[in-house]
Amino acid sequence: MNIIIYTVVILTIFYFLLRLITKISSRKISKGLRFLIIIGLIALAVLFAIGGKFLLTLPLTLASLALLKLKGLSIFQLISLFRLIQTLRRSGRFSFNQTGSNNVSSISVSEAYKILNLDMNKKVTKEDVNKAYIKIQKKIHPDISPETSRLSSIVNEAKDIVLKDIS
């Protein structure tokens, strides 16, 4: 019964809005739309000016990469890839603005565990390391996206360091 009442109310509102619009001249409608578009664009400009440094950051870049090149990534995979890049950026191992030659410094054992999303306090086997490595490489391998070749080389180095640590 509620659906019928809601439908009647919505149709009545829609009817009166259409009657109101038919009585308004097309010039007033176009002026109103122009005004709404200008206000909307000003609001977007203010939003990007104030919050642009947060909106146009690495997560948005990764989301656009996922849509363009890395097809099939879920939101959880994007978050884990973002965590990997943040760990590497904090340690100074990765930067989008530098060439690959500036990022060749050695990774510490704790950073290597963080890169592979492994817990350093637990006993890690070679199979665990390989599973974590393969999981990350499926997302960032250079064959999938050439832009991620530096990330892939860093993950390779991290895998080697962890394997040496558990041996």
Protein backbone atom coordinates (compact mmCIF):
# COMPACT_ATOMS: atom_id res chain seq x y z
CA MET A 1 0.00 0.00 0.00
CA ASN A 2 2.87 2.37 0.77
CA ILE A 3 4.27 1.94 -2.73
CA ILE A 4 1.00 3.13 -4.26
CA ILE A 5 0.94 6.21 -2.02
CA TYR A 6 4.58 7.03 -2.79
CA THR A 7 3.98 6.58 -6.50
CA VAL A 8 0.95 8.91 -6.44
CA VAL A 9 2.89 11.55 -4.48
CA ILE A 10 5.88 11.37 -6.83
CA LEU A 11 3.69 11.55 -9.93
CA THR A 12 1.79 14.52 -8.49
CA ILE A 13 5.02 16.38 -7.74
CA PHE A 14 6.33 15.51 -11.20
CA TYR A 15 3.09 16.79 -12.80
CA PHE A 16 3.28 20.15 -11.01
CA LEU A 17 6.97 20.55 -11.84
CA LEU A 18 6.23 19.94 -15.52
CA ARG A 19 3.41 22.47 -15.45
CA LEU A 20 5.74 25.00 -13.81
CA ILE A 21 8.47 24.40 -16.39
CA THR A 22 6.06 24.80 -19.33
CA LYS A 23 5.04 28.24 -18.05
CA ILE A 24 8.64 29.46 -17.77
CA SER A 25 10.21 30.96 -20.88
CA SER A 26 13.17 29.20 -22.48
CA ARG A 27 15.37 32.24 -21.84
CA LYS A 28 14.80 31.99 -18.09
CA ILE A 29 15.56 28.27 -18.19
CA SER A 30 18.79 28.82 -20.13
CA LYS A 31 19.85 31.63 -17.76
CA GLY A 32 19.13 29.40 -14.78
CA LEU A 33 21.13 26.51 -16.26
CA ARG A 34 24.00 28.86 -17.10
CA PHE A 35 23.97 30.17 -13.53
CA LEU A 36 23.96 26.63 -12.08
CA ILE A 37 26.83 25.56 -14.35
CA ILE A 38 28.92 28.61 -13.39
CA ILE A 39 28.27 28.07 -9.67
CA GLY A 40 29.14 24.38 -10.05
CA LEU A 41 32.40 25.16 -11.85
CA ILE A 42 33.36 27.72 -9.21
CA ALA A 43 32.65 25.16 -6.50
CA LEU A 44 34.84 22.60 -8.31
CA ALA A 45 37.62 25.16 -8.70
CA VAL A 46 37.51 25.94 -4.98
CA LEU A 47 37.42 22.22 -4.16
CA PHE A 48 40.49 21.53 -6.30
CA ALA A 49 42.31 24.60 -5.00
CA ILE A 50 41.75 23.67 -1.36
CA GLY A 51 41.68 19.89 -1.52
CA GLY A 52 43.63 19.25 -4.71
CA LYS A 53 46.73 18.12 -2.94
CA PHE A 54 44.65 15.39 -1.31
CA LEU A 55 42.38 14.53 -4.23
CA LEU A 56 45.09 14.33 -6.88
CA THR A 57 47.45 12.06 -4.97
CA LEU A 58 48.83 8.61 -5.42
CA PRO A 59 45.61 6.68 -4.70
CA LEU A 60 43.83 8.53 -7.50
CA THR A 61 46.79 7.92 -9.79
CA LEU A 62 46.76 4.22 -8.94
CA ALA A 63 43.03 4.05 -9.52
CA SER A 64 43.45 5.58 -12.97
CA LEU A 65 46.32 3.19 -13.73
CA ALA A 66 44.09 0.32 -12.72
CA LEU A 67 41.43 1.47 -15.10
CA LEU A 68 43.84 2.02 -17.98
CA LYS A 69 46.61 -0.56 -17.70
CA LEU A 70 46.27 -2.87 -14.73
CA LYS A 71 42.85 -4.28 -15.54
CA GLY A 72 41.15 -6.42 -12.95
CA LEU A 73 42.55 -4.91 -9.73
CA SER A 74 40.18 -4.82 -6.81
CA ILE A 75 40.07 -1.99 -4.30
CA PHE A 76 41.93 -4.17 -1.79
CA GLN A 77 44.72 -4.81 -4.28
CA LEU A 78 44.96 -1.08 -4.95
CA ILE A 79 45.24 -0.41 -1.22
CA SER A 80 48.01 -2.99 -0.82
CA LEU A 81 49.85 -1.55 -3.83
CA PHE A 82 49.48 1.93 -2.32
CA ARG A 83 50.90 0.64 1.00
CA LEU A 84 53.87 -0.85 -0.88
CA ILE A 85 54.62 2.45 -2.60
CA GLN A 86 54.20 4.41 0.65
CA THR A 87 56.65 2.08 2.43
CA LEU A 88 59.17 2.54 -0.35
CA ARG A 89 58.71 6.32 -0.47
CA ARG A 90 59.14 6.65 3.32
CA SER A 91 62.39 4.72 3.18
CA GLY A 92 63.63 6.83 0.26
CA ARG A 93 63.79 3.86 -2.11
CA PHE A 94 61.19 5.10 -4.57
CA SER A 95 60.17 8.43 -6.03
CA PHE A 96 58.17 9.25 -9.13
CA ASN A 97 60.39 12.27 -9.80
CA GLN A 98 63.74 10.48 -9.78
CA THR A 99 65.35 8.17 -12.27
CA GLY A 100 65.95 4.52 -11.44
CA SER A 101 69.67 5.10 -10.77
CA ASN A 102 68.89 7.18 -7.68
CA ASN A 103 66.83 4.40 -6.15
CA VAL A 104 69.40 1.59 -6.11
CA SER A 105 70.31 1.70 -2.42
CA SER A 106 70.05 -1.49 -0.43
CA ILE A 107 66.87 -2.37 1.44
CA SER A 108 67.01 -3.31 5.11
CA VAL A 109 65.60 -6.63 6.27
CA SER A 110 62.66 -5.02 8.09
CA GLU A 111 61.78 -2.96 5.00
CA ALA A 112 61.95 -6.07 2.84
CA TYR A 113 59.43 -7.79 5.13
CA LYS A 114 57.15 -4.72 4.96
CA ILE A 115 57.38 -4.60 1.18
CA LEU A 116 56.30 -8.24 0.93
CA ASN A 117 53.59 -7.74 3.62
CA LEU A 118 55.17 -10.38 5.84
CA ASP A 119 55.39 -10.33 9.64
CA MET A 120 58.99 -10.30 10.77
CA ASN A 121 58.09 -11.78 14.18
CA LYS A 122 56.47 -14.91 12.74
CA LYS A 123 58.39 -17.81 11.32
CA VAL A 124 58.28 -17.32 7.58
CA THR A 125 58.94 -20.16 5.15
CA LYS A 126 60.30 -20.00 1.64
CA GLU A 127 56.82 -20.85 0.33
CA ASP A 128 55.30 -17.88 2.23
CA VAL A 129 57.88 -15.56 0.70
CA ASN A 130 57.23 -16.89 -2.80
CA LYS A 131 53.44 -16.59 -2.37
CA ALA A 132 53.74 -12.98 -1.19
CA TYR A 133 56.20 -12.20 -3.99
CA ILE A 134 53.97 -13.72 -6.69
CA LYS A 135 50.90 -11.93 -5.29
CA ILE A 136 52.63 -8.55 -5.57
CA GLN A 137 54.29 -9.28 -8.92
CA LYS A 138 50.93 -10.17 -10.47
CA LYS A 139 49.94 -6.55 -9.89
CA ILE A 140 53.13 -4.71 -10.79
CA HIS A 141 55.06 -6.87 -13.25
CA PRO A 142 56.56 -4.83 -16.12
CA ASP A 143 54.83 -7.08 -18.67
CA ILE A 144 51.50 -5.86 -17.31
CA SER A 145 52.48 -2.21 -17.11
CA PRO A 146 55.90 -0.83 -18.11
CA GLU A 147 55.50 2.07 -15.67
CA THR A 148 55.93 -0.31 -12.73
CA SER A 149 59.34 -1.73 -13.70
CA ARG A 150 61.13 0.10 -10.85
CA LEU A 151 58.62 -1.21 -8.34
CA SER A 152 59.11 -4.71 -9.67
CA SER A 153 62.88 -4.51 -9.29
CA ILE A 154 62.49 -3.30 -5.70
CA VAL A 155 60.14 -6.19 -4.91
CA ASN A 156 62.68 -8.59 -6.45
CA GLU A 157 65.39 -7.16 -4.20
CA ALA A 158 63.11 -7.46 -1.16
CA LYS A 159 62.41 -11.11 -1.97
CA ASP A 160 66.12 -11.87 -2.22
CA ILE A 161 66.82 -10.17 1.11
CA VAL A 162 64.03 -12.05 2.93
CA LEU A 163 65.12 -15.37 1.45
CA LYS A 164 68.69 -14.72 2.64
CA ASP A 165 67.35 -13.79 6.07
CA ILE A 166 65.38 -17.02 6.53
CA SER A 167 68.18 -19.23 5.24
